[in-house]
Amino acid sequence: MMDINQVIFTGHICCKITDNMLRKTRGGREVINIRIAVQKDNNPEEADYINCSAFGINARNIVKYSFEGQDVSIEGRICSENYIISSEEKHRMYVLINKIIFHGYKEDD
């Protein structure tokens, strides 16, 4: 049986999006990390906060078209990585965004 790694969800961007959030990897690819709040069990008082990363055109479009609190639909896959900070091994899981749909419009600043 083939494993499937695909997630689809809708939520709200829960951080202020700024130009300086867009950074480059050592290889020169643009990347952004954001968090999406996804409502739990139709209860507006509770949410899961999902870490997400986007590269290239998706990263640039997030900076250009999104804003804090905006509804978005995400399609992607779950990724994990291990890394070391101050001699301590850390682990993180996140959604790598393949497709993002913005609901609503960003007002001009």
C-alpha atoms as a PDB file:
ATOM      1  CA  MET A   1       0.000   0.000   0.000  1.00  0.00           C
ATOM      2  CA  MET A   2       1.254   3.491  -0.883  1.00  0.00           C
ATOM      3  CA  ASP A   3       1.482   6.091   1.897  1.00  0.00           C
ATOM      4  CA  ILE A   4      -0.331   9.383   1.337  1.00  0.00           C
ATOM      5  CA  ASN A   5       0.895  12.636   2.866  1.00  0.00           C
ATOM      6  CA  GLN A   6      -1.618  15.342   2.042  1.00  0.00           C
ATOM      7  CA  VAL A   7      -3.446  17.874   4.200  1.00  0.00           C
ATOM      8  CA  ILE A   8      -6.176  20.345   3.312  1.00  0.00           C
ATOM      9  CA  PHE A   9      -7.538  22.838   5.813  1.00  0.00           C
ATOM     10  CA  THR A  10      -9.027  26.301   6.168  1.00  0.00           C
ATOM     11  CA  GLY A  11      -8.103  28.764   8.894  1.00  0.00           C
ATOM     12  CA  HIS A  12      -6.931  32.271   9.728  1.00  0.00           C
ATOM     13  CA  ILE A  13      -3.457  33.737   9.439  1.00  0.00           C
ATOM     14  CA  CYS A  14      -2.511  34.481  13.039  1.00  0.00           C
ATOM     15  CA  CYS A  15       0.544  36.678  12.595  1.00  0.00           C
ATOM     16  CA  LYS A  16       1.217  40.054  11.039  1.00  0.00           C
ATOM     17  CA  ILE A  17       2.744  39.532   7.597  1.00  0.00           C
ATOM     18  CA  THR A  18       5.678  41.806   6.814  1.00  0.00           C
ATOM     19  CA  ASP A  19       8.196  41.991   3.978  1.00  0.00           C
ATOM     20  CA  ASN A  20      11.061  41.076   6.306  1.00  0.00           C
ATOM     21  CA  MET A  21       9.441  37.679   7.018  1.00  0.00           C
ATOM     22  CA  LEU A  22      10.443  36.641   3.498  1.00  0.00           C
ATOM     23  CA  ARG A  23      13.973  35.295   3.649  1.00  0.00           C
ATOM     24  CA  LYS A  24      16.280  33.238   1.454  1.00  0.00           C
ATOM     25  CA  THR A  25      17.720  29.793   2.021  1.00  0.00           C
ATOM     26  CA  ARG A  26      21.434  29.123   1.547  1.00  0.00           C
ATOM     27  CA  GLY A  27      20.501  27.946  -1.947  1.00  0.00           C
ATOM     28  CA  GLY A  28      18.755  31.256  -2.740  1.00  0.00           C
ATOM     29  CA  ARG A  29      15.128  30.036  -2.546  1.00  0.00           C
ATOM     30  CA  GLU A  30      12.638  32.439  -0.951  1.00  0.00           C
ATOM     31  CA  VAL A  31      10.831  31.049   2.088  1.00  0.00           C
ATOM     32  CA  ILE A  32       8.325  32.265   4.675  1.00  0.00           C
ATOM     33  CA  ASN A  33       7.069  30.662   7.891  1.00  0.00           C
ATOM     34  CA  ILE A  34       3.568  31.475   9.146  1.00  0.00           C
ATOM     35  CA  ARG A  35       1.014  30.093  11.601  1.00  0.00           C
ATOM     36  CA  ILE A  36      -2.578  29.292  10.754  1.00  0.00           C
ATOM     37  CA  ALA A  37      -5.290  29.086  13.439  1.00  0.00           C
ATOM     38  CA  VAL A  38      -7.799  26.335  12.701  1.00  0.00           C
ATOM     39  CA  GLN A  39     -10.996  26.270  14.733  1.00  0.00           C
ATOM     40  CA  LYS A  40     -11.528  23.119  16.850  1.00  0.00           C
ATOM     41  CA  ASP A  41     -14.819  21.239  16.559  1.00  0.00           C
ATOM     42  CA  ASN A  42     -16.861  24.285  15.502  1.00  0.00           C
ATOM     43  CA  ASN A  43     -15.923  26.031  18.757  1.00  0.00           C
ATOM     44  CA  PRO A  44     -14.805  29.614  18.034  1.00  0.00           C
ATOM     45  CA  GLU A  45     -13.106  29.793  21.462  1.00  0.00           C
ATOM     46  CA  GLU A  46     -10.548  27.052  20.683  1.00  0.00           C
ATOM     47  CA  ALA A  47      -8.069  26.601  17.844  1.00  0.00           C
ATOM     48  CA  ASP A  48      -5.124  24.515  16.747  1.00  0.00           C
ATOM     49  CA  TYR A  49      -2.152  26.587  15.608  1.00  0.00           C
ATOM     50  CA  ILE A  50      -0.428  25.002  12.626  1.00  0.00           C
ATOM     51  CA  ASN A  51       3.084  26.014  11.597  1.00  0.00           C
ATOM     52  CA  CYS A  52       3.398  26.321   7.826  1.00  0.00           C
ATOM     53  CA  SER A  53       6.231  27.051   5.402  1.00  0.00           C
ATOM     54  CA  ALA A  54       6.025  28.199   1.794  1.00  0.00           C
ATOM     55  CA  PHE A  55       8.700  28.607  -0.864  1.00  0.00           C
ATOM     56  CA  GLY A  56       9.050  30.582  -4.088  1.00  0.00           C
ATOM     57  CA  ILE A  57       5.897  32.059  -5.621  1.00  0.00           C
ATOM     58  CA  ASN A  58       3.738  30.898  -2.693  1.00  0.00           C
ATOM     59  CA  ALA A  59       6.048  32.701  -0.240  1.00  0.00           C
ATOM     60  CA  ARG A  60       6.038  35.897  -2.325  1.00  0.00           C
ATOM     61  CA  ASN A  61       2.239  35.787  -2.700  1.00  0.00           C
ATOM     62  CA  ILE A  62       1.755  35.419   1.051  1.00  0.00           C
ATOM     63  CA  VAL A  63       3.749  38.617   1.629  1.00  0.00           C
ATOM     64  CA  LYS A  64       2.022  40.436  -1.221  1.00  0.00           C
ATOM     65  CA  TYR A  65      -1.615  39.407  -0.743  1.00  0.00           C
ATOM     66  CA  SER A  66      -2.236  38.271   2.838  1.00  0.00           C
ATOM     67  CA  PHE A  67      -2.827  39.937   6.195  1.00  0.00           C
ATOM     68  CA  GLU A  68      -3.263  38.984   9.844  1.00  0.00           C
ATOM     69  CA  GLY A  69      -6.678  37.426  10.472  1.00  0.00           C
ATOM     70  CA  GLN A  70      -7.316  36.616   6.809  1.00  0.00           C
ATOM     71  CA  ASP A  71      -9.144  33.404   5.962  1.00  0.00           C
ATOM     72  CA  VAL A  72      -7.038  31.067   3.849  1.00  0.00           C
ATOM     73  CA  SER A  73      -7.329  27.551   2.469  1.00  0.00           C
ATOM     74  CA  ILE A  74      -4.139  25.489   2.495  1.00  0.00           C
ATOM     75  CA  GLU A  75      -3.175  22.365   0.603  1.00  0.00           C
ATOM     76  CA  GLY A  76       0.150  20.786   1.439  1.00  0.00           C
ATOM     77  CA  ARG A  77       2.000  17.971   3.135  1.00  0.00           C
ATOM     78  CA  ILE A  78       3.340  17.323   6.621  1.00  0.00           C
ATOM     79  CA  CYS A  79       7.106  17.636   7.024  1.00  0.00           C
ATOM     80  CA  SER A  80       9.399  17.111   9.978  1.00  0.00           C
ATOM     81  CA  GLU A  81      12.982  18.017  10.703  1.00  0.00           C
ATOM     82  CA  ASN A  82      15.527  17.576  13.450  1.00  0.00           C
ATOM     83  CA  TYR A  83      18.070  20.248  14.323  1.00  0.00           C
ATOM     84  CA  ILE A  84      20.427  21.185  17.136  1.00  0.00           C
ATOM     85  CA  ILE A  85      20.411  24.469  19.072  1.00  0.00           C
ATOM     86  CA  SER A  86      22.891  25.021  21.923  1.00  0.00           C
ATOM     87  CA  SER A  87      23.795  21.298  21.937  1.00  0.00           C
ATOM     88  CA  GLU A  88      20.130  20.371  22.390  1.00  0.00           C
ATOM     89  CA  GLU A  89      18.370  18.290  19.747  1.00  0.00           C
ATOM     90  CA  LYS A  90      15.037  19.754  18.638  1.00  0.00           C
ATOM     91  CA  HIS A  91      12.261  18.438  16.416  1.00  0.00           C
ATOM     92  CA  ARG A  92       9.602  20.351  14.530  1.00  0.00           C
ATOM     93  CA  MET A  93       6.664  19.436  12.362  1.00  0.00           C
ATOM     94  CA  TYR A  94       5.028  21.787   9.892  1.00  0.00           C
ATOM     95  CA  VAL A  95       2.918  21.880   6.759  1.00  0.00           C
ATOM     96  CA  LEU A  96       4.763  22.593   3.534  1.00  0.00           C
ATOM     97  CA  ILE A  97       2.309  24.673   1.493  1.00  0.00           C
ATOM     98  CA  ASN A  98       1.750  23.493  -2.071  1.00  0.00           C
ATOM     99  CA  LYS A  99      -1.276  25.722  -2.689  1.00  0.00           C
ATOM    100  CA  ILE A 100      -2.811  28.633  -0.798  1.00  0.00           C
ATOM    101  CA  ILE A 101      -6.105  30.363  -1.540  1.00  0.00           C
ATOM    102  CA  PHE A 102      -6.698  33.809  -0.041  1.00  0.00           C
ATOM    103  CA  HIS A 103     -10.255  34.691   0.968  1.00  0.00           C
ATOM    104  CA  GLY A 104     -10.852  38.448   1.086  1.00  0.00           C
ATOM    105  CA  TYR A 105      -8.627  41.265  -0.096  1.00  0.00           C
ATOM    106  CA  LYS A 106      -5.636  43.079   1.363  1.00  0.00           C
ATOM    107  CA  GLU A 107      -6.283  46.790   1.704  1.00  0.00           C
ATOM    108  CA  ASP A 108      -3.584  49.148   0.467  1.00  0.00           C
ATOM    109  CA  ASP A 109      -1.337  50.444   3.262  1.00  0.00           C
END
